[in-house]
Amino acid sequence: MPQTKHVIGGPLVIGGRTLSLSRAIRAGDTVYLTGQIPMRDGLPMTTGSIEDQTRAVLDDITATLAMAGCTRADVVKAMVWLRDRADFPGFNAVYAEYFPTDPPARSAVVSDLLVDARVEVEVVAWAPLAR
């Protein structure tokens, strides 16, 4: 049977504006999530601690994974962008709460983000279609 790609969750909408990217894509047994920034009431979360913003991002990732029939346990790779190096300990403490055992492989860099948020996280999950 040929593998196809499927859009998960439709296009991403921020502040009522539809962006030219999908929330997630399933390609066979692999699910690719778009980089997630912290959101509150449909708008980028530009205030709050790194812990608050990290929880918002990881909760949104959890919800998007569920739309694809996955859980955080299916995540095999995470890529993290932090606006400030000093935020890493707070980010890492919250991240460890969400991935307490067998955490995914992870990369983290400090970078200027395109929105005024403190963190962005992208994940890849592996979840066989025939479970």
N, C-alpha and C. Protein backbone atom coordinates (compact mmCIF):
# COMPACT_ATOMS: atom_id res chain seq x y z
N MET A 1 0.84 -1.17 0.00
CA MET A 1 0.00 0.00 0.00
C MET A 1 0.90 1.24 0.00
N PRO A 2 0.68 2.20 -0.90
CA PRO A 2 1.52 3.39 -0.93
C PRO A 2 1.28 4.28 0.29
N GLN A 3 2.36 4.86 0.78
CA GLN A 3 2.26 5.79 1.90
C GLN A 3 1.89 7.17 1.34
N THR A 4 1.05 7.89 2.06
CA THR A 4 0.68 9.23 1.66
C THR A 4 0.90 10.18 2.82
N LYS A 5 0.84 11.45 2.52
CA LYS A 5 0.94 12.42 3.61
C LYS A 5 -0.43 13.00 3.89
N HIS A 6 -0.68 13.29 5.16
CA HIS A 6 -1.97 13.83 5.60
C HIS A 6 -1.72 15.04 6.49
N VAL A 7 -2.47 16.10 6.25
CA VAL A 7 -2.40 17.28 7.11
C VAL A 7 -3.17 16.98 8.38
N ILE A 8 -2.58 17.31 9.52
CA ILE A 8 -3.18 17.10 10.83
C ILE A 8 -3.56 18.46 11.40
N GLY A 9 -4.81 18.63 11.77
CA GLY A 9 -5.23 19.85 12.45
C GLY A 9 -5.40 21.07 11.58
N GLY A 10 -5.28 20.92 10.28
CA GLY A 10 -5.48 22.05 9.37
C GLY A 10 -4.36 23.06 9.44
N PRO A 11 -4.51 24.16 8.67
CA PRO A 11 -3.49 25.20 8.71
C PRO A 11 -3.45 25.88 10.07
N LEU A 12 -2.32 26.42 10.42
CA LEU A 12 -2.16 27.11 11.69
C LEU A 12 -2.78 28.50 11.58
N VAL A 13 -3.57 28.87 12.59
CA VAL A 13 -4.22 30.18 12.63
C VAL A 13 -3.74 30.90 13.88
N ILE A 14 -3.22 32.11 13.71
CA ILE A 14 -2.75 32.91 14.83
C ILE A 14 -3.41 34.27 14.74
N GLY A 15 -4.10 34.66 15.79
CA GLY A 15 -4.76 35.96 15.82
C GLY A 15 -5.76 36.14 14.70
N GLY A 16 -6.44 35.06 14.30
CA GLY A 16 -7.42 35.13 13.23
C GLY A 16 -6.83 35.10 11.84
N ARG A 17 -5.51 35.05 11.73
CA ARG A 17 -4.83 35.03 10.44
C ARG A 17 -4.36 33.61 10.15
N THR A 18 -4.74 33.07 8.99
CA THR A 18 -4.33 31.73 8.59
C THR A 18 -2.93 31.80 7.99
N LEU A 19 -2.03 31.03 8.55
CA LEU A 19 -0.64 31.01 8.08
C LEU A 19 -0.46 29.97 6.99
N SER A 20 0.58 30.11 6.22
CA SER A 20 0.84 29.19 5.10
C SER A 20 1.68 28.01 5.57
N LEU A 21 1.20 27.34 6.61
CA LEU A 21 1.85 26.14 7.11
C LEU A 21 0.83 25.30 7.84
N SER A 22 1.08 24.03 7.89
CA SER A 22 0.18 23.10 8.56
C SER A 22 0.63 22.90 10.00
N ARG A 23 -0.32 22.64 10.87
CA ARG A 23 0.00 22.36 12.28
C ARG A 23 0.90 21.13 12.38
N ALA A 24 0.58 20.10 11.59
CA ALA A 24 1.38 18.88 11.58
C ALA A 24 1.11 18.12 10.29
N ILE A 25 2.03 17.25 9.93
CA ILE A 25 1.90 16.39 8.76
C ILE A 25 2.24 14.96 9.19
N ARG A 26 1.38 14.02 8.83
CA ARG A 26 1.71 12.60 9.00
C ARG A 26 2.15 12.10 7.64
N ALA A 27 3.34 11.53 7.59
CA ALA A 27 3.86 10.89 6.38
C ALA A 27 4.20 9.45 6.76
N GLY A 28 3.29 8.56 6.44
CA GLY A 28 3.47 7.17 6.84
C GLY A 28 3.40 7.05 8.35
N ASP A 29 4.44 6.47 8.94
CA ASP A 29 4.47 6.25 10.38
C ASP A 29 5.08 7.42 11.16
N THR A 30 5.46 8.48 10.46
CA THR A 30 6.12 9.61 11.09
C THR A 30 5.20 10.83 11.08
N VAL A 31 5.19 11.54 12.21
CA VAL A 31 4.40 12.76 12.35
C VAL A 31 5.35 13.91 12.64
N TYR A 32 5.27 14.96 11.80
CA TYR A 32 6.13 16.14 11.91
C TYR A 32 5.28 17.31 12.38
N LEU A 33 5.60 17.89 13.51
CA LEU A 33 4.88 19.06 13.98
C LEU A 33 5.64 20.33 13.61
N THR A 34 4.89 21.34 13.24
CA THR A 34 5.46 22.66 13.02
C THR A 34 5.99 23.17 14.35
N GLY A 35 7.02 24.00 14.30
CA GLY A 35 7.52 24.62 15.52
C GLY A 35 6.38 25.34 16.24
N GLN A 36 6.24 25.08 17.53
CA GLN A 36 5.16 25.65 18.32
C GLN A 36 5.71 26.75 19.21
N ILE A 37 5.02 27.88 19.22
CA ILE A 37 5.34 28.95 20.16
C ILE A 37 4.25 28.97 21.21
N PRO A 38 4.49 29.60 22.36
CA PRO A 38 3.45 29.64 23.38
C PRO A 38 2.29 30.50 22.91
N MET A 39 1.07 29.97 23.07
CA MET A 39 -0.14 30.67 22.64
C MET A 39 -1.10 30.79 23.83
N ARG A 40 -1.84 31.89 23.83
CA ARG A 40 -2.91 32.09 24.82
C ARG A 40 -4.06 32.78 24.09
N ASP A 41 -5.22 32.17 24.11
CA ASP A 41 -6.41 32.73 23.46
C ASP A 41 -6.16 33.04 21.98
N GLY A 42 -5.42 32.16 21.30
CA GLY A 42 -5.19 32.31 19.87
C GLY A 42 -4.15 33.34 19.47
N LEU A 43 -3.43 33.88 20.45
CA LEU A 43 -2.40 34.87 20.17
C LEU A 43 -1.07 34.45 20.78
N PRO A 44 0.06 34.86 20.18
CA PRO A 44 1.36 34.53 20.78
C PRO A 44 1.44 35.07 22.21
N MET A 45 1.97 34.24 23.08
CA MET A 45 2.13 34.59 24.49
C MET A 45 3.46 35.33 24.63
N THR A 46 3.40 36.64 24.82
CA THR A 46 4.62 37.44 24.87
C THR A 46 5.01 37.82 26.29
N THR A 47 4.22 37.37 27.26
CA THR A 47 4.54 37.62 28.67
C THR A 47 4.59 36.28 29.40
N GLY A 48 4.99 36.33 30.64
CA GLY A 48 5.06 35.11 31.44
C GLY A 48 6.48 34.59 31.51
N SER A 49 6.70 33.76 32.50
CA SER A 49 8.03 33.19 32.71
C SER A 49 8.34 32.14 31.65
N ILE A 50 9.58 31.74 31.59
CA ILE A 50 9.95 30.67 30.65
C ILE A 50 9.20 29.40 31.02
N GLU A 51 8.96 29.18 32.31
CA GLU A 51 8.22 28.00 32.73
C GLU A 51 6.78 28.05 32.21
N ASP A 52 6.13 29.22 32.34
CA ASP A 52 4.76 29.37 31.84
C ASP A 52 4.71 29.16 30.33
N GLN A 53 5.65 29.78 29.60
CA GLN A 53 5.66 29.66 28.15
C GLN A 53 5.98 28.23 27.71
N THR A 54 6.88 27.56 28.42
CA THR A 54 7.22 26.18 28.07
C THR A 54 6.01 25.27 28.27
N ARG A 55 5.29 25.44 29.37
CA ARG A 55 4.08 24.63 29.60
C ARG A 55 3.06 24.87 28.49
N ALA A 56 2.87 26.12 28.09
CA ALA A 56 1.92 26.43 27.02
C ALA A 56 2.32 25.73 25.72
N VAL A 57 3.59 25.77 25.39
CA VAL A 57 4.08 25.11 24.16
C VAL A 57 3.88 23.61 24.25
N LEU A 58 4.28 23.01 25.36
CA LEU A 58 4.21 21.55 25.47
C LEU A 58 2.76 21.06 25.58
N ASP A 59 1.88 21.86 26.16
CA ASP A 59 0.45 21.49 26.17
C ASP A 59 -0.11 21.52 24.76
N ASP A 60 0.27 22.52 23.97
CA ASP A 60 -0.20 22.60 22.58
C ASP A 60 0.36 21.44 21.76
N ILE A 61 1.62 21.11 21.98
CA ILE A 61 2.21 19.96 21.29
C ILE A 61 1.47 18.68 21.65
N THR A 62 1.13 18.51 22.92
CA THR A 62 0.39 17.33 23.37
C THR A 62 -0.95 17.24 22.65
N ALA A 63 -1.65 18.37 22.53
CA ALA A 63 -2.95 18.39 21.84
C ALA A 63 -2.79 18.08 20.35
N THR A 64 -1.77 18.63 19.72
CA THR A 64 -1.56 18.36 18.29
C THR A 64 -1.20 16.90 18.07
N LEU A 65 -0.36 16.34 18.92
CA LEU A 65 -0.02 14.92 18.82
C LEU A 65 -1.29 14.06 18.93
N ALA A 66 -2.19 14.42 19.85
CA ALA A 66 -3.43 13.66 20.02
C ALA A 66 -4.27 13.68 18.74
N MET A 67 -4.29 14.81 18.03
CA MET A 67 -5.02 14.88 16.76
C MET A 67 -4.46 13.88 15.75
N ALA A 68 -3.18 13.56 15.88
CA ALA A 68 -2.52 12.62 14.97
C ALA A 68 -2.54 11.19 15.51
N GLY A 69 -3.21 10.98 16.64
CA GLY A 69 -3.26 9.65 17.24
C GLY A 69 -1.98 9.28 17.96
N CYS A 70 -1.27 10.29 18.46
CA CYS A 70 0.02 10.06 19.13
C CYS A 70 -0.02 10.62 20.55
N THR A 71 1.00 10.26 21.31
CA THR A 71 1.21 10.84 22.64
C THR A 71 2.65 11.34 22.70
N ARG A 72 2.98 12.00 23.79
CA ARG A 72 4.38 12.45 23.96
C ARG A 72 5.34 11.27 23.98
N ALA A 73 4.88 10.11 24.38
CA ALA A 73 5.75 8.92 24.39
C ALA A 73 6.20 8.53 22.99
N ASP A 74 5.48 8.99 21.96
CA ASP A 74 5.84 8.69 20.57
C ASP A 74 6.89 9.65 20.00
N VAL A 75 7.19 10.73 20.72
CA VAL A 75 8.14 11.73 20.22
C VAL A 75 9.55 11.14 20.24
N VAL A 76 10.22 11.22 19.09
CA VAL A 76 11.58 10.68 18.96
C VAL A 76 12.63 11.78 18.85
N LYS A 77 12.21 13.00 18.50
CA LYS A 77 13.16 14.09 18.33
C LYS A 77 12.48 15.41 18.66
N ALA A 78 13.17 16.26 19.39
CA ALA A 78 12.69 17.61 19.70
C ALA A 78 13.78 18.61 19.35
N MET A 79 13.35 19.71 18.75
CA MET A 79 14.25 20.81 18.45
C MET A 79 13.74 22.03 19.21
N VAL A 80 14.63 22.70 19.92
CA VAL A 80 14.25 23.80 20.81
C VAL A 80 15.02 25.05 20.44
N TRP A 81 14.28 26.16 20.38
CA TRP A 81 14.89 27.47 20.20
C TRP A 81 14.53 28.32 21.41
N LEU A 82 15.54 28.87 22.07
CA LEU A 82 15.33 29.76 23.21
C LEU A 82 15.85 31.15 22.84
N ARG A 83 15.13 32.17 23.26
CA ARG A 83 15.56 33.53 22.97
C ARG A 83 16.75 33.93 23.85
N ASP A 84 16.82 33.36 25.05
CA ASP A 84 17.84 33.75 26.02
C ASP A 84 18.46 32.51 26.66
N ARG A 85 19.76 32.43 26.61
CA ARG A 85 20.50 31.30 27.19
C ARG A 85 20.15 31.11 28.68
N ALA A 86 19.89 32.19 29.38
CA ALA A 86 19.58 32.12 30.81
C ALA A 86 18.26 31.39 31.07
N ASP A 87 17.41 31.24 30.06
CA ASP A 87 16.14 30.54 30.21
C ASP A 87 16.28 29.01 30.18
N PHE A 88 17.46 28.50 29.83
CA PHE A 88 17.59 27.05 29.66
C PHE A 88 17.25 26.27 30.93
N PRO A 89 17.76 26.64 32.11
CA PRO A 89 17.42 25.82 33.29
C PRO A 89 15.91 25.74 33.55
N GLY A 90 15.19 26.85 33.44
CA GLY A 90 13.74 26.84 33.66
C GLY A 90 13.03 26.03 32.60
N PHE A 91 13.44 26.20 31.33
CA PHE A 91 12.87 25.39 30.25
C PHE A 91 13.11 23.92 30.53
N ASN A 92 14.33 23.56 30.85
CA ASN A 92 14.71 22.17 31.01
C ASN A 92 13.96 21.50 32.16
N ALA A 93 13.72 22.24 33.23
CA ALA A 93 12.98 21.68 34.37
C ALA A 93 11.55 21.33 33.96
N VAL A 94 10.88 22.21 33.23
CA VAL A 94 9.51 21.93 32.79
C VAL A 94 9.51 20.81 31.76
N TYR A 95 10.44 20.86 30.82
CA TYR A 95 10.54 19.82 29.78
C TYR A 95 10.67 18.44 30.43
N ALA A 96 11.46 18.35 31.48
CA ALA A 96 11.65 17.07 32.18
C ALA A 96 10.35 16.56 32.80
N GLU A 97 9.45 17.46 33.19
CA GLU A 97 8.14 17.05 33.72
C GLU A 97 7.30 16.39 32.61
N TYR A 98 7.42 16.88 31.39
CA TYR A 98 6.61 16.38 30.26
C TYR A 98 7.22 15.13 29.63
N PHE A 99 8.52 14.94 29.80
CA PHE A 99 9.21 13.76 29.25
C PHE A 99 10.04 13.13 30.37
N PRO A 100 9.36 12.55 31.40
CA PRO A 100 10.08 12.07 32.58
C PRO A 100 10.90 10.80 32.36
N THR A 101 10.50 9.95 31.41
CA THR A 101 11.25 8.72 31.15
C THR A 101 11.46 8.57 29.66
N ASP A 102 12.57 7.98 29.30
CA ASP A 102 12.91 7.76 27.90
C ASP A 102 12.65 9.00 27.04
N PRO A 103 13.26 10.14 27.41
CA PRO A 103 13.00 11.37 26.65
C PRO A 103 13.53 11.25 25.22
N PRO A 104 12.95 12.04 24.32
CA PRO A 104 13.41 12.00 22.92
C PRO A 104 14.80 12.61 22.78
N ALA A 105 15.43 12.33 21.65
CA ALA A 105 16.66 13.04 21.31
C ALA A 105 16.29 14.52 21.20
N ARG A 106 17.25 15.41 21.50
CA ARG A 106 16.90 16.83 21.52
C ARG A 106 18.08 17.69 21.14
N SER A 107 17.79 18.74 20.41
CA SER A 107 18.75 19.80 20.12
C SER A 107 18.18 21.08 20.71
N ALA A 108 19.05 21.97 21.18
CA ALA A 108 18.59 23.26 21.70
C ALA A 108 19.59 24.32 21.30
N VAL A 109 19.07 25.44 20.82
CA VAL A 109 19.93 26.55 20.42
C VAL A 109 19.34 27.86 20.95
N VAL A 110 20.18 28.86 21.05
CA VAL A 110 19.74 30.21 21.38
C VAL A 110 19.64 30.94 20.06
N SER A 111 18.49 31.60 19.85
CA SER A 111 18.23 32.24 18.56
C SER A 111 17.24 33.38 18.74
N ASP A 112 17.33 34.36 17.85
CA ASP A 112 16.32 35.40 17.79
C ASP A 112 15.08 34.76 17.16
N LEU A 113 13.93 34.84 17.82
CA LEU A 113 12.71 34.24 17.30
C LEU A 113 11.94 35.26 16.48
N LEU A 114 11.10 34.78 15.57
CA LEU A 114 10.33 35.68 14.70
C LEU A 114 9.17 36.36 15.42
N VAL A 115 8.79 35.85 16.57
CA VAL A 115 7.76 36.48 17.40
C VAL A 115 8.38 36.77 18.76
N ASP A 116 7.74 37.63 19.52
CA ASP A 116 8.28 38.04 20.81
C ASP A 116 7.93 37.04 21.90
N ALA A 117 8.37 35.80 21.70
CA ALA A 117 8.18 34.74 22.69
C ALA A 117 9.56 34.31 23.17
N ARG A 118 9.58 33.54 24.23
CA ARG A 118 10.86 33.11 24.80
C ARG A 118 11.31 31.74 24.30
N VAL A 119 10.37 30.95 23.71
CA VAL A 119 10.69 29.57 23.36
C VAL A 119 9.87 29.14 22.15
N GLU A 120 10.46 28.26 21.36
CA GLU A 120 9.75 27.56 20.29
C GLU A 120 10.24 26.11 20.32
N VAL A 121 9.32 25.17 20.13
CA VAL A 121 9.67 23.75 20.16
C VAL A 121 9.01 23.07 18.97
N GLU A 122 9.80 22.24 18.29
CA GLU A 122 9.31 21.42 17.18
C GLU A 122 9.60 19.97 17.52
N VAL A 123 8.67 19.07 17.23
CA VAL A 123 8.92 17.65 17.50
C VAL A 123 8.58 16.79 16.29
N VAL A 124 9.19 15.62 16.30
CA VAL A 124 8.90 14.57 15.34
C VAL A 124 8.51 13.34 16.15
N ALA A 125 7.39 12.71 15.76
CA ALA A 125 6.93 11.52 16.46
C ALA A 125 6.91 10.34 15.50
N TRP A 126 7.12 9.17 16.04
CA TRP A 126 7.04 7.92 15.25
C TRP A 126 5.90 7.11 15.85
N ALA A 127 4.88 6.90 15.03
CA ALA A 127 3.69 6.19 15.49
C ALA A 127 3.16 5.35 14.33
N PRO A 128 3.51 4.06 14.29
CA PRO A 128 3.05 3.19 13.20
C PRO A 128 1.54 3.25 13.03
N LEU A 129 1.11 3.32 11.81
CA LEU A 129 -0.32 3.36 11.49
C LEU A 129 -1.03 2.08 11.91
N ALA A 130 -0.33 0.95 11.84
CA ALA A 130 -0.93 -0.34 12.18
C ALA A 130 -0.50 -0.72 13.59
N ARG A 131 -1.17 -0.13 14.58
CA ARG A 131 -0.85 -0.44 15.98
C ARG A 131 -1.83 -1.46 16.49
